[in-house]
Amino acid sequence: MRSASALGAVALNDFGEGTGTKVEIALDRQTERAPGGLEGSDVLIVDDWAMAPMNEVERRDFLEVCDDRYQCRSTILTSQLPVAKWHAQIGDPTLADSILDRLVHNAHRIELEGESLRKTRARNTASDEELQS
């Protein structure tokens, strides 16, 4: 299960689907919009954030989303890129400061260490296949 899907499942479980909580997952810059749009979602999950440098339109749109949600709605980001490199991926220093100010302050960070689970599973699968041969 992808980390974004797992976080969405936990959010729905903790808040309960019957409470009117809306969880929205933005995947690979393609968003399935819930009624009310991004600002109407109680939890917004952005998966694989900052995997590529942002262009001007993406920077301004994302700042607007962050600004609308700041201190009133939850936003969860998953990224393979360390937080220290996000500023460079955003691009424009002023907009990067504004976006990261809204994202990083009051944030709960979970940083995973170690090898990718995909690599570990692939290695285990290859080992199992060799044993069966």
Foldseek 3Di string as FASTA:
>chain_A
DDPLVVVQVVVCVVCPVVVVAAEWEQEPNRTDADVVGLLPHQEYEYEQPLVAADDPVRLVVLLVSLVSQQPPGHYHYYHPDDPVCSCVSPPDNVSSVSNCVRDVPVDDDDDDDDDDPVVVVVVVVVVVVVVVD
